[in-house]
N, C-alpha and C. Protein backbone atom coordinates (compact mmCIF):
# COMPACT_ATOMS: atom_id res chain seq x y z
N UNK A 1 0.92 -1.23 0.00
CA UNK A 1 -0.02 0.07 0.00
C UNK A 1 0.98 1.28 0.13
N UNK A 2 0.92 2.00 -1.11
CA UNK A 2 1.88 3.10 -1.23
C UNK A 2 1.64 4.10 -0.24
N UNK A 3 0.34 4.24 0.21
CA UNK A 3 0.14 5.37 1.20
C UNK A 3 0.58 5.32 2.66
N UNK A 4 1.14 4.03 2.96
CA UNK A 4 1.67 3.61 4.30
C UNK A 4 3.10 3.71 4.17
N UNK A 5 3.74 3.84 5.38
CA UNK A 5 5.15 3.78 5.42
C UNK A 5 5.78 2.42 5.22
N UNK A 6 6.75 2.27 4.27
CA UNK A 6 7.22 0.82 3.96
C UNK A 6 6.29 -0.06 3.38
N UNK A 7 5.29 0.54 2.75
CA UNK A 7 4.30 -0.31 1.95
C UNK A 7 3.45 -1.25 3.13
N UNK A 8 3.38 -0.91 4.35
CA UNK A 8 2.71 -1.65 5.31
C UNK A 8 1.26 -1.11 5.27
N UNK A 9 0.41 -2.10 5.74
CA UNK A 9 0.57 -3.40 6.30
C UNK A 9 0.91 -4.34 4.99
N UNK A 10 1.68 -5.20 5.42
CA UNK A 10 2.41 -6.22 4.46
C UNK A 10 1.47 -7.61 4.51
N UNK A 11 0.98 -8.05 3.53
CA UNK A 11 0.03 -9.19 3.61
C UNK A 11 0.68 -10.29 2.70
N UNK A 12 0.55 -11.56 3.23
CA UNK A 12 1.08 -12.73 2.66
C UNK A 12 -0.20 -13.54 2.10
N UNK A 13 0.14 -14.55 1.26
CA UNK A 13 -1.08 -15.39 0.80
C UNK A 13 -1.83 -15.83 2.19
N UNK A 14 -3.03 -15.77 1.93
CA UNK A 14 -4.03 -16.49 2.98
C UNK A 14 -4.04 -15.70 4.28
N UNK A 15 -3.55 -14.57 4.33
CA UNK A 15 -3.89 -13.53 5.44
C UNK A 15 -5.24 -13.03 5.10
N UNK A 16 -5.90 -12.53 6.26
CA UNK A 16 -7.28 -12.04 6.14
C UNK A 16 -7.33 -10.69 6.12
N UNK A 17 -8.24 -10.04 5.35
CA UNK A 17 -8.65 -8.68 5.28
C UNK A 17 -10.16 -8.51 5.61
N UNK A 18 -10.64 -7.84 6.54
CA UNK A 18 -12.04 -7.68 6.90
C UNK A 18 -12.30 -6.18 6.43
N UNK A 19 -13.54 -5.96 5.72
CA UNK A 19 -13.98 -4.70 5.53
C UNK A 19 -15.32 -4.50 6.03
N UNK A 20 -15.70 -3.57 6.77
CA UNK A 20 -16.97 -3.39 7.45
C UNK A 20 -17.48 -2.01 6.97
N UNK A 21 -18.56 -1.89 6.08
CA UNK A 21 -18.90 -0.58 5.74
C UNK A 21 -19.62 0.16 6.78
N UNK A 22 -19.61 1.54 6.83
CA UNK A 22 -20.18 2.32 7.98
C UNK A 22 -21.67 2.64 7.58
N UNK A 23 -21.96 2.50 6.24
CA UNK A 23 -23.32 2.80 5.88
C UNK A 23 -23.60 4.05 5.45
N UNK A 24 -22.49 5.01 5.51
CA UNK A 24 -22.70 6.43 5.06
C UNK A 24 -21.95 6.59 3.70
N UNK A 25 -22.73 7.03 2.82
CA UNK A 25 -22.29 7.33 1.45
C UNK A 25 -21.73 8.85 1.35
N UNK A 26 -20.63 8.88 0.74
CA UNK A 26 -19.82 10.04 0.63
C UNK A 26 -19.78 10.52 -0.89
N UNK A 27 -20.42 11.50 -1.38
CA UNK A 27 -20.53 11.97 -2.76
C UNK A 27 -19.38 12.85 -3.08
N UNK A 28 -18.64 12.48 -4.03
CA UNK A 28 -17.52 13.39 -4.32
C UNK A 28 -17.56 13.51 -5.94
N UNK A 29 -17.93 14.69 -6.45
CA UNK A 29 -18.03 14.82 -7.99
C UNK A 29 -19.10 13.86 -8.51
N UNK A 30 -18.60 13.11 -9.52
CA UNK A 30 -19.40 12.04 -10.27
C UNK A 30 -19.14 10.80 -9.45
N UNK A 31 -18.33 10.62 -8.49
CA UNK A 31 -17.98 9.31 -7.91
C UNK A 31 -18.66 9.17 -6.55
N UNK A 32 -19.17 7.91 -6.23
CA UNK A 32 -19.66 7.64 -4.96
C UNK A 32 -18.79 6.65 -4.34
N UNK A 33 -18.33 7.00 -3.27
CA UNK A 33 -17.57 6.05 -2.33
C UNK A 33 -18.22 5.71 -1.11
N UNK A 34 -17.78 4.49 -0.52
CA UNK A 34 -18.28 4.16 0.84
C UNK A 34 -17.28 4.15 1.90
N UNK A 35 -17.61 4.86 3.10
CA UNK A 35 -16.65 5.01 4.13
C UNK A 35 -16.93 3.67 4.96
N UNK A 36 -15.77 3.30 5.53
CA UNK A 36 -15.87 2.10 6.38
C UNK A 36 -14.65 1.76 7.11
N UNK A 37 -14.50 0.59 7.70
CA UNK A 37 -13.35 0.23 8.49
C UNK A 37 -12.75 -1.07 7.93
N UNK A 38 -11.36 -1.02 7.94
CA UNK A 38 -10.67 -2.26 7.44
C UNK A 38 -9.82 -2.81 8.45
N UNK A 39 -10.02 -4.11 8.56
CA UNK A 39 -9.21 -4.85 9.71
C UNK A 39 -8.32 -6.04 9.07
N UNK A 40 -6.98 -6.15 9.57
CA UNK A 40 -6.13 -7.19 9.01
C UNK A 40 -5.97 -8.21 10.12
N UNK A 41 -5.74 -9.41 9.64
CA UNK A 41 -5.43 -10.61 10.51
C UNK A 41 -4.47 -11.42 9.77
N UNK A 42 -3.35 -11.94 10.42
CA UNK A 42 -2.54 -12.77 9.74
C UNK A 42 -2.92 -14.25 9.88
N UNK A 43 -2.43 -15.09 9.04
CA UNK A 43 -2.89 -16.60 8.95
C UNK A 43 -1.99 -17.13 10.23
N UNK A 44 -2.79 -17.81 10.98
CA UNK A 44 -2.12 -18.38 12.27
C UNK A 44 -1.62 -19.84 12.12
N UNK A 45 -1.62 -20.28 10.93
CA UNK A 45 -1.22 -21.79 10.68
C UNK A 45 0.16 -22.04 11.12
N UNK A 46 1.03 -20.95 10.58
CA UNK A 46 2.44 -21.29 10.97
C UNK A 46 2.74 -21.09 12.48
N UNK A 47 2.04 -20.24 13.08
CA UNK A 47 2.33 -19.98 14.46
C UNK A 47 1.91 -21.19 15.25
N UNK A 48 0.73 -21.81 14.88
CA UNK A 48 0.30 -22.88 15.58
C UNK A 48 1.12 -24.10 15.42
N UNK A 49 1.71 -24.28 14.19
CA UNK A 49 2.70 -25.40 13.99
C UNK A 49 3.92 -25.18 14.67
N UNK A 50 4.34 -24.03 14.95
CA UNK A 50 5.57 -23.79 15.82
C UNK A 50 5.36 -24.03 17.10
N UNK A 51 4.16 -23.78 17.71
CA UNK A 51 3.75 -24.17 19.13
C UNK A 51 3.72 -25.73 19.21
N UNK A 52 3.16 -26.34 18.25
CA UNK A 52 3.09 -27.75 18.37
C UNK A 52 4.35 -28.37 18.17
N UNK A 53 5.49 -27.83 17.43
CA UNK A 53 6.78 -28.37 17.43
C UNK A 53 7.37 -28.33 18.66
N UNK A 54 7.26 -27.15 19.33
CA UNK A 54 7.88 -26.85 20.69
C UNK A 54 7.31 -27.87 21.60
N UNK A 55 6.11 -28.23 21.71
CA UNK A 55 5.40 -29.10 22.45
C UNK A 55 5.81 -30.49 22.31
N UNK A 56 5.97 -30.99 21.06
CA UNK A 56 6.48 -32.22 20.70
C UNK A 56 7.99 -32.45 21.25
N UNK A 57 8.83 -31.26 21.05
CA UNK A 57 10.26 -31.38 21.39
C UNK A 57 10.48 -31.48 22.79
N UNK A 58 9.46 -31.01 23.63
CA UNK A 58 9.44 -31.02 25.10
C UNK A 58 9.08 -32.51 25.55
N UNK A 59 8.69 -33.21 24.80
CA UNK A 59 8.22 -34.73 25.13
C UNK A 59 9.56 -35.47 25.45
N UNK A 60 9.59 -36.32 26.48
CA UNK A 60 10.77 -37.09 26.85
C UNK A 60 11.07 -38.18 25.57
N UNK A 61 9.98 -38.56 24.97
CA UNK A 61 10.23 -39.45 23.89
C UNK A 61 10.97 -38.99 22.69
N UNK A 62 10.89 -37.62 22.49
CA UNK A 62 11.55 -37.02 21.38
C UNK A 62 12.88 -36.34 21.76
N UNK A 63 12.97 -36.07 22.86
CA UNK A 63 14.18 -35.23 23.38
C UNK A 63 15.50 -35.84 23.04
N UNK A 64 15.64 -37.17 23.40
CA UNK A 64 16.94 -37.79 23.01
C UNK A 64 17.13 -38.00 21.33
N UNK A 65 15.95 -38.02 20.81
CA UNK A 65 15.97 -38.09 19.30
C UNK A 65 16.53 -36.75 18.63
N UNK A 66 16.16 -35.67 19.18
CA UNK A 66 16.41 -34.38 18.67
C UNK A 66 18.11 -34.05 19.21
N UNK A 67 18.21 -34.34 20.43
CA UNK A 67 19.38 -34.01 21.18
C UNK A 67 20.17 -35.10 21.71
N UNK A 68 20.65 -36.15 20.99
CA UNK A 68 21.15 -37.37 21.39
C UNK A 68 22.27 -37.24 22.52
N UNK A 69 22.31 -38.05 23.49
CA UNK A 69 23.35 -38.11 24.37
C UNK A 69 24.59 -38.70 23.95
N UNK A 70 24.38 -39.69 23.11
CA UNK A 70 25.59 -40.53 22.51
C UNK A 70 25.30 -40.62 21.01
N UNK A 71 26.30 -40.37 20.23
CA UNK A 71 26.07 -40.67 18.76
C UNK A 71 27.28 -41.47 18.39
N UNK A 72 26.79 -42.41 17.36
CA UNK A 72 27.60 -43.32 16.87
C UNK A 72 28.45 -42.61 15.78
N UNK A 73 29.79 -42.95 15.92
CA UNK A 73 30.72 -42.49 15.05
C UNK A 73 31.24 -43.36 13.88
N UNK A 74 30.65 -44.52 13.78
CA UNK A 74 31.02 -45.45 12.88
C UNK A 74 31.07 -45.05 11.45
N UNK A 75 30.07 -44.32 11.18
CA UNK A 75 29.71 -43.83 9.83
C UNK A 75 30.10 -42.50 9.52
N UNK A 76 30.79 -41.79 10.35
CA UNK A 76 31.10 -40.44 10.33
C UNK A 76 32.49 -40.35 9.88
N UNK A 77 32.81 -39.49 8.72
CA UNK A 77 34.07 -39.35 8.03
C UNK A 77 34.93 -38.58 9.00
N UNK A 78 36.35 -39.02 8.83
CA UNK A 78 37.20 -38.21 9.66
C UNK A 78 37.60 -37.13 8.94
N UNK A 79 38.61 -36.34 9.67
CA UNK A 79 39.01 -35.05 9.02
C UNK A 79 39.78 -35.18 7.85
N UNK A 80 40.48 -36.32 7.74
CA UNK A 80 41.24 -36.55 6.56
C UNK A 80 40.41 -36.79 5.22
N UNK A 81 39.27 -37.33 5.66
CA UNK A 81 38.24 -37.55 4.32
C UNK A 81 37.95 -36.26 3.80
N UNK A 82 37.86 -35.33 4.42
CA UNK A 82 37.50 -34.08 3.91
C UNK A 82 38.35 -33.38 2.85
N UNK A 83 39.52 -33.91 2.62
CA UNK A 83 40.37 -33.50 1.66
C UNK A 83 39.84 -33.55 0.30
N UNK A 84 38.94 -34.53 0.11
CA UNK A 84 38.31 -34.73 -1.25
C UNK A 84 37.17 -33.90 -1.35
N UNK A 85 37.04 -32.62 -0.81
CA UNK A 85 35.95 -31.75 -0.60
C UNK A 85 35.67 -31.41 -2.14
N UNK A 86 34.27 -31.28 -2.32
CA UNK A 86 33.64 -30.95 -3.62
C UNK A 86 33.62 -29.47 -3.88
N UNK A 87 33.50 -28.75 -2.71
CA UNK A 87 33.60 -27.22 -2.75
C UNK A 87 34.84 -26.68 -2.43
N UNK A 88 35.30 -25.69 -2.87
CA UNK A 88 36.54 -24.96 -2.49
C UNK A 88 36.51 -24.29 -1.17
N UNK A 89 37.12 -24.79 -0.13
CA UNK A 89 37.15 -24.30 1.11
C UNK A 89 38.49 -23.40 1.35
N UNK A 90 38.19 -22.40 2.12
CA UNK A 90 39.38 -21.80 2.72
C UNK A 90 39.76 -22.35 4.13
N UNK A 91 40.81 -21.82 4.73
CA UNK A 91 41.13 -22.64 6.06
C UNK A 91 40.11 -22.54 7.20
N UNK A 92 39.41 -21.40 7.25
CA UNK A 92 38.23 -21.28 8.21
C UNK A 92 37.17 -22.37 7.94
N UNK A 93 36.93 -22.24 6.69
CA UNK A 93 35.64 -23.11 6.30
C UNK A 93 36.12 -24.66 6.49
N UNK A 94 37.29 -24.93 6.14
CA UNK A 94 37.90 -26.28 6.19
C UNK A 94 37.71 -26.64 7.72
N UNK A 95 38.09 -25.86 8.73
CA UNK A 95 38.24 -26.17 10.12
C UNK A 95 36.81 -26.39 10.52
N UNK A 96 35.84 -25.37 10.22
CA UNK A 96 34.45 -25.71 10.51
C UNK A 96 33.88 -26.98 10.02
N UNK A 97 34.05 -27.31 8.79
CA UNK A 97 33.64 -28.46 8.26
C UNK A 97 34.26 -29.77 8.92
N UNK A 98 35.45 -29.71 9.32
CA UNK A 98 36.00 -30.76 10.02
C UNK A 98 35.48 -30.97 11.31
N UNK A 99 35.23 -29.86 12.13
CA UNK A 99 34.69 -29.93 13.45
C UNK A 99 33.18 -30.61 13.38
N UNK A 100 32.51 -30.27 12.43
CA UNK A 100 31.13 -30.87 12.37
C UNK A 100 31.24 -32.36 12.06
N UNK A 101 32.17 -32.77 11.01
CA UNK A 101 32.16 -33.93 10.66
C UNK A 101 32.86 -35.00 11.63
N UNK A 102 33.75 -34.53 12.62
CA UNK A 102 34.29 -35.24 13.52
C UNK A 102 33.44 -35.49 14.71
N UNK A 103 32.39 -34.67 14.80
CA UNK A 103 31.38 -34.77 15.89
C UNK A 103 32.09 -34.75 17.38
N UNK A 104 32.62 -33.56 17.62
CA UNK A 104 33.25 -33.30 18.90
C UNK A 104 32.23 -32.93 20.00
N UNK A 105 31.68 -34.09 20.68
CA UNK A 105 30.66 -33.88 21.65
C UNK A 105 29.30 -34.00 21.01
N UNK A 106 28.06 -33.85 21.61
CA UNK A 106 26.84 -34.18 21.02
C UNK A 106 26.43 -33.00 20.22
N UNK A 107 25.68 -33.32 19.11
CA UNK A 107 24.99 -32.34 18.30
C UNK A 107 23.88 -31.61 18.87
N UNK A 108 23.24 -30.59 18.64
CA UNK A 108 23.41 -29.94 17.42
C UNK A 108 24.70 -28.99 17.31
N UNK A 109 25.14 -28.53 16.16
CA UNK A 109 26.18 -27.50 15.93
C UNK A 109 25.45 -26.35 15.60
N UNK A 110 25.98 -25.12 16.04
CA UNK A 110 25.63 -23.81 15.64
C UNK A 110 26.76 -23.15 14.71
N UNK A 111 26.37 -22.95 13.47
CA UNK A 111 27.30 -22.34 12.53
C UNK A 111 26.65 -20.87 12.26
N UNK A 112 27.16 -19.96 12.66
CA UNK A 112 26.53 -18.49 12.68
C UNK A 112 27.18 -17.90 11.28
N UNK A 113 26.08 -17.15 10.73
CA UNK A 113 26.38 -16.56 9.48
C UNK A 113 25.39 -16.52 8.53
N UNK A 114 25.16 -15.66 7.48
CA UNK A 114 24.13 -15.64 6.50
C UNK A 114 24.45 -16.80 5.66
N UNK A 115 23.41 -17.36 5.11
CA UNK A 115 23.60 -18.72 4.19
C UNK A 115 23.76 -18.34 2.75
N UNK A 116 23.38 -17.14 2.11
CA UNK A 116 23.61 -16.83 0.89
C UNK A 116 23.89 -15.26 0.68
N UNK A 117 24.58 -15.03 -0.46
CA UNK A 117 24.92 -13.67 -0.68
C UNK A 117 24.64 -13.38 -2.13
N UNK A 118 24.64 -12.18 -2.55
CA UNK A 118 24.34 -11.69 -3.80
C UNK A 118 25.59 -10.96 -4.38
N UNK A 119 26.10 -11.67 -5.37
CA UNK A 119 27.28 -11.13 -6.19
C UNK A 119 26.98 -11.45 -7.70
N UNK A 120 26.28 -10.42 -8.30
CA UNK A 120 25.73 -10.54 -9.70
C UNK A 120 24.55 -11.69 -9.68
N UNK A 121 24.71 -12.76 -8.94
CA UNK A 121 23.74 -13.69 -8.74
C UNK A 121 23.75 -14.43 -7.28
N UNK A 122 22.73 -14.75 -6.80
CA UNK A 122 22.76 -15.21 -5.51
C UNK A 122 23.35 -16.54 -5.52
N UNK A 123 24.25 -16.83 -4.40
CA UNK A 123 24.99 -18.01 -4.29
C UNK A 123 25.11 -18.30 -2.80
N UNK A 124 25.53 -19.59 -2.43
CA UNK A 124 25.88 -19.75 -0.98
C UNK A 124 26.98 -18.86 -0.48
N UNK A 125 26.90 -18.41 0.82
CA UNK A 125 27.80 -17.64 1.47
C UNK A 125 29.10 -18.61 1.93
N UNK A 126 29.92 -17.95 2.68
CA UNK A 126 30.91 -18.90 3.23
C UNK A 126 30.40 -19.90 4.28
N UNK A 127 29.36 -19.46 5.03
CA UNK A 127 28.76 -20.32 5.88
C UNK A 127 27.91 -21.36 5.29
N UNK A 128 27.09 -20.99 4.10
CA UNK A 128 26.27 -21.81 3.31
C UNK A 128 27.28 -22.94 2.62
N UNK A 129 28.46 -22.49 2.24
CA UNK A 129 29.40 -23.61 1.65
C UNK A 129 29.78 -24.73 2.63
N UNK A 130 30.09 -24.15 3.90
CA UNK A 130 30.29 -25.24 4.90
C UNK A 130 29.17 -26.13 5.12
N UNK A 131 27.83 -25.58 5.25
CA UNK A 131 26.75 -26.50 5.31
C UNK A 131 26.63 -27.52 4.17
N UNK A 132 26.77 -26.91 2.93
CA UNK A 132 26.72 -27.84 1.81
C UNK A 132 27.58 -28.79 1.78
N UNK A 133 28.97 -28.59 2.13
CA UNK A 133 30.02 -29.43 2.19
C UNK A 133 29.87 -30.55 3.17
N UNK A 134 29.47 -30.15 4.37
CA UNK A 134 29.13 -31.03 5.42
C UNK A 134 28.05 -32.06 5.06
N UNK A 135 27.02 -31.55 4.40
CA UNK A 135 25.86 -32.52 4.02
C UNK A 135 26.37 -33.45 2.99
N UNK A 136 27.08 -32.94 1.94
CA UNK A 136 27.68 -33.74 0.87
C UNK A 136 28.44 -34.86 1.44
N UNK A 137 29.33 -34.69 2.26
CA UNK A 137 30.30 -35.62 3.04
C UNK A 137 29.50 -36.66 3.75
N UNK A 138 28.51 -36.15 4.50
CA UNK A 138 27.78 -37.14 5.34
C UNK A 138 26.98 -38.08 4.30
N UNK A 139 26.43 -37.56 3.25
CA UNK A 139 25.82 -38.33 2.35
C UNK A 139 26.51 -39.28 1.57
N UNK A 140 27.80 -38.93 1.33
CA UNK A 140 28.74 -39.92 0.69
C UNK A 140 29.17 -41.05 1.58
N UNK A 141 29.20 -40.81 2.73
CA UNK A 141 29.82 -41.71 3.60
C UNK A 141 28.67 -42.94 3.89
N UNK A 142 27.38 -42.46 4.02
CA UNK A 142 26.58 -43.59 4.24
C UNK A 142 24.99 -43.10 3.58
N UNK A 143 24.54 -43.98 2.96
CA UNK A 143 23.19 -43.70 2.54
C UNK A 143 22.14 -43.78 3.52
N UNK A 144 22.50 -44.32 4.74
CA UNK A 144 21.50 -44.19 5.85
C UNK A 144 21.35 -42.98 6.63
N UNK A 145 22.31 -42.16 6.27
CA UNK A 145 22.25 -40.85 6.93
C UNK A 145 21.00 -39.99 6.39
N UNK A 146 20.22 -39.35 7.36
CA UNK A 146 19.05 -38.58 7.12
C UNK A 146 19.41 -37.23 7.70
N UNK A 147 19.30 -36.17 6.92
CA UNK A 147 19.81 -34.71 7.19
C UNK A 147 18.53 -33.83 7.11
N UNK A 148 18.27 -33.06 8.01
CA UNK A 148 17.34 -32.01 8.00
C UNK A 148 17.94 -30.68 7.90
N UNK A 149 17.75 -29.83 6.88
CA UNK A 149 18.34 -28.46 6.72
C UNK A 149 17.22 -27.45 6.86
N UNK A 150 17.26 -26.48 7.70
CA UNK A 150 16.31 -25.48 7.69
C UNK A 150 17.05 -24.20 7.45
N UNK A 151 16.34 -23.19 6.91
CA UNK A 151 16.74 -21.87 6.51
C UNK A 151 15.75 -21.01 6.95
N UNK A 152 16.10 -19.57 7.14
CA UNK A 152 15.23 -18.56 7.66
C UNK A 152 14.23 -18.12 6.56
N UNK A 153 14.37 -18.33 5.32
CA UNK A 153 13.43 -18.05 4.38
C UNK A 153 13.47 -18.90 3.04
N UNK A 154 12.79 -18.85 2.16
CA UNK A 154 12.75 -19.78 1.19
C UNK A 154 13.72 -19.43 0.10
N UNK A 155 14.14 -18.19 -0.01
CA UNK A 155 15.01 -17.93 -0.94
C UNK A 155 16.49 -18.44 -0.70
N UNK A 156 16.82 -18.57 0.59
CA UNK A 156 18.12 -18.97 1.03
C UNK A 156 18.18 -20.54 0.87
N UNK A 157 17.08 -21.12 1.23
CA UNK A 157 17.06 -22.67 0.98
C UNK A 157 17.03 -22.98 -0.54
N UNK A 158 16.30 -22.29 -1.31
CA UNK A 158 16.35 -22.58 -2.74
C UNK A 158 17.84 -22.37 -3.25
N UNK A 159 18.54 -21.53 -2.68
CA UNK A 159 20.04 -21.34 -3.20
C UNK A 159 20.86 -22.45 -2.64
N UNK A 160 20.61 -22.99 -1.40
CA UNK A 160 21.31 -24.03 -0.88
C UNK A 160 21.05 -25.35 -1.77
N UNK A 161 19.74 -25.53 -1.95
CA UNK A 161 19.42 -26.69 -2.61
C UNK A 161 19.90 -26.91 -4.08
N UNK A 162 20.01 -25.59 -4.68
CA UNK A 162 20.68 -25.64 -6.00
C UNK A 162 22.07 -25.91 -5.95
N UNK A 163 22.62 -25.54 -4.81
CA UNK A 163 24.20 -26.10 -4.83
C UNK A 163 24.25 -27.53 -4.55
N UNK A 164 23.31 -28.16 -3.54
CA UNK A 164 23.47 -29.44 -3.23
C UNK A 164 22.98 -30.33 -4.56
N UNK A 165 22.18 -29.85 -5.27
CA UNK A 165 21.71 -30.55 -6.55
C UNK A 165 22.93 -30.88 -7.51
N UNK A 166 24.06 -30.12 -7.54
CA UNK A 166 25.15 -30.41 -8.24
C UNK A 166 25.90 -31.68 -7.76
N UNK A 167 25.73 -31.99 -6.46
CA UNK A 167 26.44 -33.23 -6.14
C UNK A 167 25.61 -34.39 -5.38
N UNK A 168 24.24 -34.14 -5.23
CA UNK A 168 23.26 -35.09 -4.70
C UNK A 168 22.13 -35.28 -5.65
N UNK A 169 21.86 -36.36 -6.04
CA UNK A 169 20.59 -36.59 -6.88
C UNK A 169 19.36 -35.94 -6.38
N UNK A 170 18.59 -35.42 -7.27
CA UNK A 170 17.40 -34.89 -6.71
C UNK A 170 16.47 -35.95 -6.09
N UNK A 171 16.52 -37.05 -6.66
CA UNK A 171 15.73 -38.28 -6.04
C UNK A 171 16.08 -38.54 -4.46
N UNK A 172 17.25 -38.06 -4.12
CA UNK A 172 17.61 -38.30 -2.71
C UNK A 172 17.33 -37.12 -1.64
N UNK A 173 16.67 -36.06 -2.26
CA UNK A 173 16.36 -34.87 -1.50
C UNK A 173 14.95 -34.60 -1.79
N UNK A 174 14.45 -34.01 -0.55
CA UNK A 174 13.00 -33.51 -0.69
C UNK A 174 12.93 -32.03 -0.21
N UNK A 175 12.33 -31.18 -1.00
CA UNK A 175 12.32 -29.56 -0.58
C UNK A 175 10.80 -29.59 -0.14
N UNK A 176 10.73 -29.17 1.27
CA UNK A 176 9.49 -28.96 1.92
C UNK A 176 9.25 -27.59 1.65
N UNK A 177 7.81 -27.26 1.26
CA UNK A 177 7.44 -25.86 1.16
C UNK A 177 6.27 -25.66 1.98
N UNK A 178 6.00 -24.26 2.30
CA UNK A 178 4.83 -23.97 3.02
C UNK A 178 3.80 -24.21 2.12
N UNK A 179 2.52 -24.73 2.57
CA UNK A 179 1.51 -25.13 1.84
C UNK A 179 0.92 -23.98 1.00
N UNK A 180 1.04 -22.64 1.53
CA UNK A 180 0.62 -21.51 0.88
C UNK A 180 1.60 -20.87 -0.05
N UNK A 181 2.76 -21.49 -0.28
CA UNK A 181 3.65 -20.87 -1.06
C UNK A 181 3.20 -20.85 -2.58
N UNK A 182 3.45 -19.90 -3.28
CA UNK A 182 3.11 -19.79 -4.76
C UNK A 182 4.00 -20.59 -5.59
N UNK A 183 3.40 -21.44 -6.39
CA UNK A 183 4.31 -22.31 -7.19
C UNK A 183 5.16 -21.51 -8.12
N UNK A 184 4.79 -20.47 -8.63
CA UNK A 184 5.46 -19.55 -9.53
C UNK A 184 6.88 -19.07 -8.81
N UNK A 185 6.84 -19.02 -7.65
CA UNK A 185 8.06 -18.58 -6.80
C UNK A 185 9.12 -19.69 -6.67
N UNK A 186 8.86 -20.89 -7.06
CA UNK A 186 9.77 -21.93 -6.91
C UNK A 186 10.54 -22.34 -8.10
N UNK A 187 11.99 -22.11 -8.02
CA UNK A 187 12.67 -22.36 -9.19
C UNK A 187 12.46 -23.62 -9.89
N UNK A 188 12.41 -23.77 -11.30
CA UNK A 188 12.02 -24.97 -12.03
C UNK A 188 12.92 -26.09 -11.77
N UNK A 189 14.12 -25.93 -11.45
CA UNK A 189 15.08 -26.96 -11.12
C UNK A 189 14.88 -27.70 -9.91
N UNK A 190 14.11 -27.01 -8.97
CA UNK A 190 13.98 -27.40 -7.63
C UNK A 190 12.48 -28.21 -7.56
N UNK A 191 11.63 -27.80 -8.47
CA UNK A 191 10.30 -28.46 -8.47
C UNK A 191 10.28 -29.95 -8.43
N UNK A 192 11.07 -30.61 -9.13
CA UNK A 192 11.03 -32.10 -9.18
C UNK A 192 11.36 -32.72 -7.85
N UNK A 193 11.92 -32.03 -6.80
CA UNK A 193 12.11 -32.52 -5.43
C UNK A 193 11.08 -32.04 -4.51
N UNK A 194 9.95 -31.37 -5.04
CA UNK A 194 8.79 -30.81 -4.19
C UNK A 194 7.71 -31.66 -4.44
N UNK A 195 6.76 -31.58 -3.41
CA UNK A 195 5.53 -32.41 -3.56
C UNK A 195 4.43 -31.32 -3.64
N UNK A 196 3.76 -31.35 -4.90
CA UNK A 196 2.63 -30.44 -5.18
C UNK A 196 1.48 -30.95 -5.52
N UNK A 197 0.51 -30.75 -4.80
CA UNK A 197 -0.88 -31.33 -4.93
C UNK A 197 -1.78 -30.10 -5.10
N UNK A 198 -2.00 -29.83 -6.45
CA UNK A 198 -2.71 -28.62 -6.76
C UNK A 198 -4.05 -28.43 -5.89
N UNK A 199 -4.19 -27.32 -5.23
CA UNK A 199 -3.43 -25.96 -5.45
C UNK A 199 -2.48 -25.73 -4.39
N UNK A 200 -2.04 -26.81 -3.62
CA UNK A 200 -1.05 -26.58 -2.43
C UNK A 200 0.12 -27.42 -2.56
N UNK A 201 1.11 -26.96 -1.83
CA UNK A 201 2.37 -27.93 -1.54
C UNK A 201 1.99 -28.79 -0.46
N UNK A 202 2.68 -29.92 -0.39
CA UNK A 202 2.28 -30.86 0.65
C UNK A 202 3.58 -31.56 1.03
N UNK A 203 3.60 -32.19 2.27
CA UNK A 203 4.85 -32.65 2.87
C UNK A 203 4.63 -34.14 2.99
N UNK A 204 3.52 -34.68 2.46
CA UNK A 204 3.37 -36.22 2.66
C UNK A 204 2.40 -36.63 1.57
N UNK A 205 2.54 -37.87 1.38
CA UNK A 205 1.61 -38.51 0.28
C UNK A 205 0.26 -38.87 0.93
């Protein structure tokens, strides 16, 4: 809305707008307009799902699954195995990837930094390259490994997946999308790894 600062309020697909006419007609020249009140409400589905995930994570049955006390190292690559890296890593990136792959202590690991940058075209940042390389190495070492990657927005995850598609078959990856995401906003080379049941994206068959 151009008349508001920063084009606010900002609406996403399936947010709600309520319009209530006041019943008073206002005559302006040859045009007739209706005065009224406008109310905005955001879609609560994502918020409800976030609360549901926190509730599940607090359950004792899931706690050790998400934050295991003991991790098997039999299928984890050693630091030396990283020398055959697919991505070109500098010293800091190499050190970070080696720490992840050697599993010093219990996961999860926190790798701070933005995941993608724009230089002529969007591509993984230094942090994004570390994440992609660690995922690639883990997938190479064992087909039994299951990896969940989360990003703060769709664009960053699209960039990471495009990088991973260069080294991991699309049939081995699944790109989860919000049900209300517009299909036109998903890159064509990523769509084969998505599950779309018109008119929504889905996460299960």
